[in-house]
Structure formats: C-alpha cells, structure tokens
Amino acid sequence: MFRKANLLLALGSVLLLLAIVLPMMLPLAPWLRGVMAGMGGALYLGAFVAWMQPDGCDASTLTLRRRYLREFVPAMAGYLALLVASMLLLKRLEDPALRAMAALLPVLPIALVLRAIVRYIRDADEMQRQIELEAVSIATALVSLVYMAGGFLQLAKVIDVPSGVAMIWVFPLLCATYGLIKAVVARRFR
C-alpha cells in the first residue's frame, strides 16, 4: 500500500507543479491549469486513502477486482471524454433540447460506473461487503449533513453558492468521502 501511496503522491506533485510552473513558461488555458491542479489534488487524496488503508482493505478476489477495473476504468474514461465534449457543445448550442442532450452526455458513463460499483459490492465476500456498505452509508450520511448545512447557510444568506455548482459536486464529494471513510472502517476489520 505504501508503494501505491508514494506513486500517487509523486504523480499528484508532478501535476500540481506543472499547474504552477507551466503558465510561467507557456500560455496555458485557465481550465487546463484547473484540470491539472484538480487531478493533482485528487491524486493527493488517493495517496492519503492508500496510506490509511490496512493491507487487507480490498480483500476481494483477483477475478472480482479485475472485472471491476474492466468495467470502471473505461466508464470513467468515457465520462471524462463526454464531460469535455459536453462543455464544448454547450458553448455552441442554442436550442434548449440540444443543450439538454449535450448537458446529459456524461450521465450514461456515470451510470456505468455506479453499475460497476454495485456489482463489485454485490459479489464481494461478506466481510468486504460489510466494509463497503458501512463506508457508503457513513459517507452518504456525512455528505447529506454537509449539503443540508449548506442549504441552511444559503437560506440565511451567509453563503451564496449557485445551485448548479452545489448539485454537480454532490457525487464527487460522496466518492471522496467514501474513500476516506472506507480506510477508517477497514481498520476495524484488521
């Protein structure tokens, strides 16, 4: 696990460094700089989760892990590609029906990601399923609490977050929280 955590940390550091240094040398679109910084931060989070996990945290069979990766990785790659395509199309389209279709392009690959996750949990052994379901449950409760608190702060006019921004960040926040909570929950099953 520590080797994996160190690799993620190194890759995250490279991306964050590139996000800082490249604009000094080359004209770089702000969105590309943001993508590099976001991916670097995500890799840091992944390194932290990998570092926190006990060795047996993913004690599923090799066949199950391979199937999960075969389903998950192409779906996430499709999501990233369709997200970029969606953003580019939305800049050019005026018709509301076409804009709606372009906006929903990334939803299908996320549905496939969710399918891969559900199949993984369903087919895992009893202990791994217990770890996964506890982590998902706690993460969902925490994110719901944060979202509700944000709603109260929004109503009190303490913060002003556009609804679209708040809605689009629920799923990534849930995934990140799940990863952190899973590492903590799995430690109990050492």
C-alpha atoms as a PDB file:
ATOM      1  CA  MET A   1       0.000   0.000   0.000  1.00  0.00           C
ATOM      2  CA  PHE A   2       2.814   2.425   0.802  1.00  0.00           C
ATOM      3  CA  ARG A   3       4.320   1.959  -2.666  1.00  0.00           C
ATOM      4  CA  LYS A   4       0.954   2.788  -4.228  1.00  0.00           C
ATOM      5  CA  ALA A   5       0.536   5.802  -1.915  1.00  0.00           C
ATOM      6  CA  ASN A   6       4.008   7.084  -2.812  1.00  0.00           C
ATOM      7  CA  LEU A   7       3.296   6.702  -6.535  1.00  0.00           C
ATOM      8  CA  LEU A   8       0.032   8.633  -6.220  1.00  0.00           C
ATOM      9  CA  LEU A   9       1.786  11.303  -4.165  1.00  0.00           C
ATOM     10  CA  ALA A  10       4.546  11.651  -6.767  1.00  0.00           C
ATOM     11  CA  LEU A  11       2.079  11.902  -9.664  1.00  0.00           C
ATOM     12  CA  GLY A  12      -0.016  14.433  -7.749  1.00  0.00           C
ATOM     13  CA  SER A  13       3.079  16.508  -7.021  1.00  0.00           C
ATOM     14  CA  VAL A  14       4.081  16.500 -10.694  1.00  0.00           C
ATOM     15  CA  LEU A  15       0.616  17.656 -11.788  1.00  0.00           C
ATOM     16  CA  LEU A  16       0.447  20.386  -9.146  1.00  0.00           C
ATOM     17  CA  LEU A  17       3.935  21.552 -10.042  1.00  0.00           C
ATOM     18  CA  LEU A  18       3.011  21.636 -13.732  1.00  0.00           C
ATOM     19  CA  ALA A  19      -0.130  23.628 -12.917  1.00  0.00           C
ATOM     20  CA  ILE A  20       2.040  26.212 -11.161  1.00  0.00           C
ATOM     21  CA  VAL A  21       5.141  26.293 -13.399  1.00  0.00           C
ATOM     22  CA  LEU A  22       3.776  25.786 -16.933  1.00  0.00           C
ATOM     23  CA  PRO A  23       1.783  29.056 -17.040  1.00  0.00           C
ATOM     24  CA  MET A  24       5.026  30.917 -16.299  1.00  0.00           C
ATOM     25  CA  MET A  25       6.646  29.441 -19.416  1.00  0.00           C
ATOM     26  CA  LEU A  26       3.760  28.839 -21.830  1.00  0.00           C
ATOM     27  CA  PRO A  27       0.356  30.366 -22.448  1.00  0.00           C
ATOM     28  CA  LEU A  28      -1.945  27.885 -20.743  1.00  0.00           C
ATOM     29  CA  ALA A  29      -5.730  27.954 -20.758  1.00  0.00           C
ATOM     30  CA  PRO A  30      -7.067  28.520 -17.230  1.00  0.00           C
ATOM     31  CA  TRP A  31      -9.339  25.468 -17.476  1.00  0.00           C
ATOM     32  CA  LEU A  32      -6.359  23.222 -18.303  1.00  0.00           C
ATOM     33  CA  ARG A  33      -4.461  24.597 -15.330  1.00  0.00           C
ATOM     34  CA  GLY A  34      -7.524  23.906 -13.184  1.00  0.00           C
ATOM     35  CA  VAL A  35      -7.789  20.348 -14.505  1.00  0.00           C
ATOM     36  CA  MET A  36      -4.129  19.677 -13.708  1.00  0.00           C
ATOM     37  CA  ALA A  37      -4.471  21.171 -10.219  1.00  0.00           C
ATOM     38  CA  GLY A  38      -7.700  19.233  -9.597  1.00  0.00           C
ATOM     39  CA  MET A  39      -6.184  15.958 -10.747  1.00  0.00           C
ATOM     40  CA  GLY A  40      -3.098  16.626  -8.620  1.00  0.00           C
ATOM     41  CA  GLY A  41      -5.288  17.261  -5.583  1.00  0.00           C
ATOM     42  CA  ALA A  42      -7.313  14.111  -6.321  1.00  0.00           C
ATOM     43  CA  LEU A  43      -4.097  12.077  -6.501  1.00  0.00           C
ATOM     44  CA  TYR A  44      -3.036  13.530  -3.141  1.00  0.00           C
ATOM     45  CA  LEU A  45      -6.371  12.432  -1.705  1.00  0.00           C
ATOM     46  CA  GLY A  46      -5.887   8.988  -3.269  1.00  0.00           C
ATOM     47  CA  ALA A  47      -2.409   8.775  -1.731  1.00  0.00           C
ATOM     48  CA  PHE A  48      -3.830   9.626   1.674  1.00  0.00           C
ATOM     49  CA  VAL A  49      -6.533   6.979   1.331  1.00  0.00           C
ATOM     50  CA  ALA A  50      -3.988   4.371   0.164  1.00  0.00           C
ATOM     51  CA  TRP A  51      -1.731   5.260   3.078  1.00  0.00           C
ATOM     52  CA  MET A  52      -4.607   4.940   5.590  1.00  0.00           C
ATOM     53  CA  GLN A  53      -5.877   1.580   4.329  1.00  0.00           C
ATOM     54  CA  PRO A  54      -4.766  -1.577   6.060  1.00  0.00           C
ATOM     55  CA  ASP A  55      -3.265  -4.252   3.825  1.00  0.00           C
ATOM     56  CA  GLY A  56      -6.435  -6.328   3.647  1.00  0.00           C
ATOM     57  CA  CYS A  57      -8.789  -3.432   2.898  1.00  0.00           C
ATOM     58  CA  ASP A  58      -9.592  -4.739  -0.560  1.00  0.00           C
ATOM     59  CA  ALA A  59      -9.674  -8.413   0.280  1.00  0.00           C
ATOM     60  CA  SER A  60     -11.803  -9.353  -2.720  1.00  0.00           C
ATOM     61  CA  THR A  61     -10.706 -11.987  -5.201  1.00  0.00           C
ATOM     62  CA  LEU A  62      -8.377 -11.109  -8.052  1.00  0.00           C
ATOM     63  CA  THR A  63     -11.103 -12.040 -10.570  1.00  0.00           C
ATOM     64  CA  LEU A  64     -13.582  -9.661  -8.935  1.00  0.00           C
ATOM     65  CA  ARG A  65     -11.057  -6.797  -8.814  1.00  0.00           C
ATOM     66  CA  ARG A  66     -10.149  -7.335 -12.479  1.00  0.00           C
ATOM     67  CA  ARG A  67     -13.805  -7.332 -13.539  1.00  0.00           C
ATOM     68  CA  TYR A  68     -14.390  -4.185 -11.517  1.00  0.00           C
ATOM     69  CA  LEU A  69     -11.451  -2.399 -13.165  1.00  0.00           C
ATOM     70  CA  ARG A  70     -12.532  -3.632 -16.630  1.00  0.00           C
ATOM     71  CA  GLU A  71     -15.928  -2.026 -16.039  1.00  0.00           C
ATOM     72  CA  PHE A  72     -14.879   1.030 -14.005  1.00  0.00           C
ATOM     73  CA  VAL A  73     -11.866   2.399 -15.903  1.00  0.00           C
ATOM     74  CA  PRO A  74     -13.450   2.601 -19.403  1.00  0.00           C
ATOM     75  CA  ALA A  75     -16.607   4.120 -17.908  1.00  0.00           C
ATOM     76  CA  MET A  76     -14.571   6.822 -16.117  1.00  0.00           C
ATOM     77  CA  ALA A  77     -12.546   7.498 -19.274  1.00  0.00           C
ATOM     78  CA  GLY A  78     -15.831   7.815 -21.178  1.00  0.00           C
ATOM     79  CA  TYR A  79     -17.130  10.174 -18.504  1.00  0.00           C
ATOM     80  CA  LEU A  80     -14.088  12.434 -18.817  1.00  0.00           C
ATOM     81  CA  ALA A  81     -14.289  12.457 -22.627  1.00  0.00           C
ATOM     82  CA  LEU A  82     -18.025  13.138 -22.654  1.00  0.00           C
ATOM     83  CA  LEU A  83     -17.680  15.814 -19.974  1.00  0.00           C
ATOM     84  CA  VAL A  84     -15.216  17.734 -22.153  1.00  0.00           C
ATOM     85  CA  ALA A  85     -17.418  17.195 -25.231  1.00  0.00           C
ATOM     86  CA  SER A  86     -20.453  18.364 -23.281  1.00  0.00           C
ATOM     87  CA  MET A  87     -18.733  21.556 -22.131  1.00  0.00           C
ATOM     88  CA  LEU A  88     -17.578  22.329 -25.675  1.00  0.00           C
ATOM     89  CA  LEU A  89     -21.015  21.646 -27.163  1.00  0.00           C
ATOM     90  CA  LEU A  90     -22.793  23.790 -24.581  1.00  0.00           C
ATOM     91  CA  LYS A  91     -20.724  26.784 -25.702  1.00  0.00           C
ATOM     92  CA  ARG A  92     -22.003  26.374 -29.269  1.00  0.00           C
ATOM     93  CA  LEU A  93     -25.601  25.192 -28.959  1.00  0.00           C
ATOM     94  CA  GLU A  94     -28.625  27.469 -28.553  1.00  0.00           C
ATOM     95  CA  ASP A  95     -31.604  25.110 -28.884  1.00  0.00           C
ATOM     96  CA  PRO A  96     -32.837  24.047 -25.402  1.00  0.00           C
ATOM     97  CA  ALA A  97     -33.453  20.424 -26.454  1.00  0.00           C
ATOM     98  CA  LEU A  98     -29.942  20.087 -27.901  1.00  0.00           C
ATOM     99  CA  ARG A  99     -28.461  21.814 -24.847  1.00  0.00           C
ATOM    100  CA  ALA A 100     -30.285  19.350 -22.581  1.00  0.00           C
ATOM    101  CA  MET A 101     -28.921  16.380 -24.555  1.00  0.00           C
ATOM    102  CA  ALA A 102     -25.401  17.836 -24.512  1.00  0.00           C
ATOM    103  CA  ALA A 103     -25.610  18.528 -20.772  1.00  0.00           C
ATOM    104  CA  LEU A 104     -26.691  14.938 -20.053  1.00  0.00           C
ATOM    105  CA  LEU A 105     -23.921  13.279 -22.119  1.00  0.00           C
ATOM    106  CA  PRO A 106     -21.728  12.495 -19.060  1.00  0.00           C
ATOM    107  CA  VAL A 107     -24.591  10.845 -17.153  1.00  0.00           C
ATOM    108  CA  LEU A 108     -24.520   7.498 -19.017  1.00  0.00           C
ATOM    109  CA  PRO A 109     -20.878   6.695 -18.189  1.00  0.00           C
ATOM    110  CA  ILE A 110     -21.505   7.618 -14.539  1.00  0.00           C
ATOM    111  CA  ALA A 111     -24.428   5.171 -14.558  1.00  0.00           C
ATOM    112  CA  LEU A 112     -21.970   2.533 -15.815  1.00  0.00           C
ATOM    113  CA  VAL A 113     -19.550   3.470 -13.021  1.00  0.00           C
ATOM    114  CA  LEU A 114     -22.333   3.032 -10.476  1.00  0.00           C
ATOM    115  CA  ARG A 115     -23.214  -0.323 -12.048  1.00  0.00           C
ATOM    116  CA  ALA A 116     -19.585  -1.470 -11.660  1.00  0.00           C
ATOM    117  CA  ILE A 117     -19.570  -0.369  -8.013  1.00  0.00           C
ATOM    118  CA  VAL A 118     -22.864  -2.125  -7.243  1.00  0.00           C
ATOM    119  CA  ARG A 119     -21.690  -5.337  -8.953  1.00  0.00           C
ATOM    120  CA  TYR A 120     -18.421  -5.215  -7.010  1.00  0.00           C
ATOM    121  CA  ILE A 121     -20.190  -4.805  -3.670  1.00  0.00           C
ATOM    122  CA  ARG A 122     -22.806  -7.421  -4.505  1.00  0.00           C
ATOM    123  CA  ASP A 123     -20.211 -10.046  -5.470  1.00  0.00           C
ATOM    124  CA  ALA A 124     -17.691  -9.344  -2.686  1.00  0.00           C
ATOM    125  CA  ASP A 125     -17.353 -11.667   0.276  1.00  0.00           C
ATOM    126  CA  GLU A 126     -19.260 -10.957   3.463  1.00  0.00           C
ATOM    127  CA  MET A 127     -16.521  -9.013   5.265  1.00  0.00           C
ATOM    128  CA  GLN A 128     -15.667  -6.852   2.253  1.00  0.00           C
ATOM    129  CA  ARG A 129     -19.366  -6.164   1.670  1.00  0.00           C
ATOM    130  CA  GLN A 130     -19.685  -5.085   5.322  1.00  0.00           C
ATOM    131  CA  ILE A 131     -16.743  -2.672   4.903  1.00  0.00           C
ATOM    132  CA  GLU A 132     -18.118  -1.257   1.644  1.00  0.00           C
ATOM    133  CA  LEU A 133     -21.674  -0.824   2.892  1.00  0.00           C
ATOM    134  CA  GLU A 134     -20.623   0.802   6.169  1.00  0.00           C
ATOM    135  CA  ALA A 135     -18.368   3.201   4.269  1.00  0.00           C
ATOM    136  CA  VAL A 136     -21.087   4.074   1.736  1.00  0.00           C
ATOM    137  CA  SER A 137     -23.668   4.562   4.499  1.00  0.00           C
ATOM    138  CA  ILE A 138     -21.476   6.803   6.643  1.00  0.00           C
ATOM    139  CA  ALA A 139     -20.261   8.802   3.637  1.00  0.00           C
ATOM    140  CA  THR A 140     -23.824   9.327   2.424  1.00  0.00           C
ATOM    141  CA  ALA A 141     -24.919  10.497   5.868  1.00  0.00           C
ATOM    142  CA  LEU A 142     -21.978  12.928   6.171  1.00  0.00           C
ATOM    143  CA  VAL A 143     -22.409  14.396   2.692  1.00  0.00           C
ATOM    144  CA  SER A 144     -26.154  14.759   3.273  1.00  0.00           C
ATOM    145  CA  LEU A 145     -25.435  16.579   6.531  1.00  0.00           C
ATOM    146  CA  VAL A 146     -22.959  18.933   4.822  1.00  0.00           C
ATOM    147  CA  TYR A 147     -25.387  19.561   1.946  1.00  0.00           C
ATOM    148  CA  MET A 148     -28.219  20.311   4.389  1.00  0.00           C
ATOM    149  CA  ALA A 149     -25.993  22.634   6.448  1.00  0.00           C
ATOM    150  CA  GLY A 150     -25.037  24.400   3.215  1.00  0.00           C
ATOM    151  CA  GLY A 151     -28.726  24.790   2.399  1.00  0.00           C
ATOM    152  CA  PHE A 152     -29.385  26.395   5.785  1.00  0.00           C
ATOM    153  CA  LEU A 153     -26.422  28.756   5.301  1.00  0.00           C
ATOM    154  CA  GLN A 154     -27.702  29.576   1.808  1.00  0.00           C
ATOM    155  CA  LEU A 155     -31.197  30.364   3.149  1.00  0.00           C
ATOM    156  CA  ALA A 156     -29.673  32.559   5.864  1.00  0.00           C
ATOM    157  CA  LYS A 157     -27.745  34.386   3.107  1.00  0.00           C
ATOM    158  CA  VAL A 158     -24.419  33.577   4.791  1.00  0.00           C
ATOM    159  CA  ILE A 159     -23.108  31.880   1.630  1.00  0.00           C
ATOM    160  CA  ASP A 160     -24.153  32.181  -1.985  1.00  0.00           C
ATOM    161  CA  VAL A 161     -23.417  29.037  -3.990  1.00  0.00           C
ATOM    162  CA  PRO A 162     -25.159  28.648  -7.354  1.00  0.00           C
ATOM    163  CA  SER A 163     -27.466  25.636  -7.258  1.00  0.00           C
ATOM    164  CA  GLY A 164     -25.886  24.015 -10.317  1.00  0.00           C
ATOM    165  CA  VAL A 165     -22.459  24.125  -8.694  1.00  0.00           C
ATOM    166  CA  ALA A 166     -23.812  22.668  -5.450  1.00  0.00           C
ATOM    167  CA  MET A 167     -25.659  19.895  -7.271  1.00  0.00           C
ATOM    168  CA  ILE A 168     -22.766  18.868  -9.520  1.00  0.00           C
ATOM    169  CA  TRP A 169     -20.378  18.468  -6.576  1.00  0.00           C
ATOM    170  CA  VAL A 170     -22.558  16.084  -4.537  1.00  0.00           C
ATOM    171  CA  PHE A 171     -21.415  12.901  -6.306  1.00  0.00           C
ATOM    172  CA  PRO A 172     -17.656  13.707  -6.354  1.00  0.00           C
ATOM    173  CA  LEU A 173     -17.857  14.734  -2.694  1.00  0.00           C
ATOM    174  CA  LEU A 174     -19.649  11.488  -1.887  1.00  0.00           C
ATOM    175  CA  CYS A 175     -16.952   9.471  -3.705  1.00  0.00           C
ATOM    176  CA  ALA A 176     -14.111  11.271  -1.930  1.00  0.00           C
ATOM    177  CA  THR A 177     -15.788  10.935   1.469  1.00  0.00           C
ATOM    178  CA  TYR A 178     -16.453   7.253   0.807  1.00  0.00           C
ATOM    179  CA  GLY A 179     -12.760   6.667   0.058  1.00  0.00           C
ATOM    180  CA  LEU A 180     -11.677   8.312   3.306  1.00  0.00           C
ATOM    181  CA  ILE A 181     -14.340   6.598   5.403  1.00  0.00           C
ATOM    182  CA  LYS A 182     -13.576   3.202   3.847  1.00  0.00           C
ATOM    183  CA  ALA A 183      -9.974   3.462   5.020  1.00  0.00           C
ATOM    184  CA  VAL A 184     -11.162   4.190   8.561  1.00  0.00           C
ATOM    185  CA  VAL A 185     -13.848   1.467   8.578  1.00  0.00           C
ATOM    186  CA  ALA A 186     -11.460  -1.138   7.145  1.00  0.00           C
ATOM    187  CA  ARG A 187      -9.026  -0.558  10.009  1.00  0.00           C
ATOM    188  CA  ARG A 188     -11.617  -2.038  12.372  1.00  0.00           C
ATOM    189  CA  PHE A 189     -11.520  -5.328  10.420  1.00  0.00           C
ATOM    190  CA  ARG A 190      -7.727  -5.832  10.629  1.00  0.00           C
END
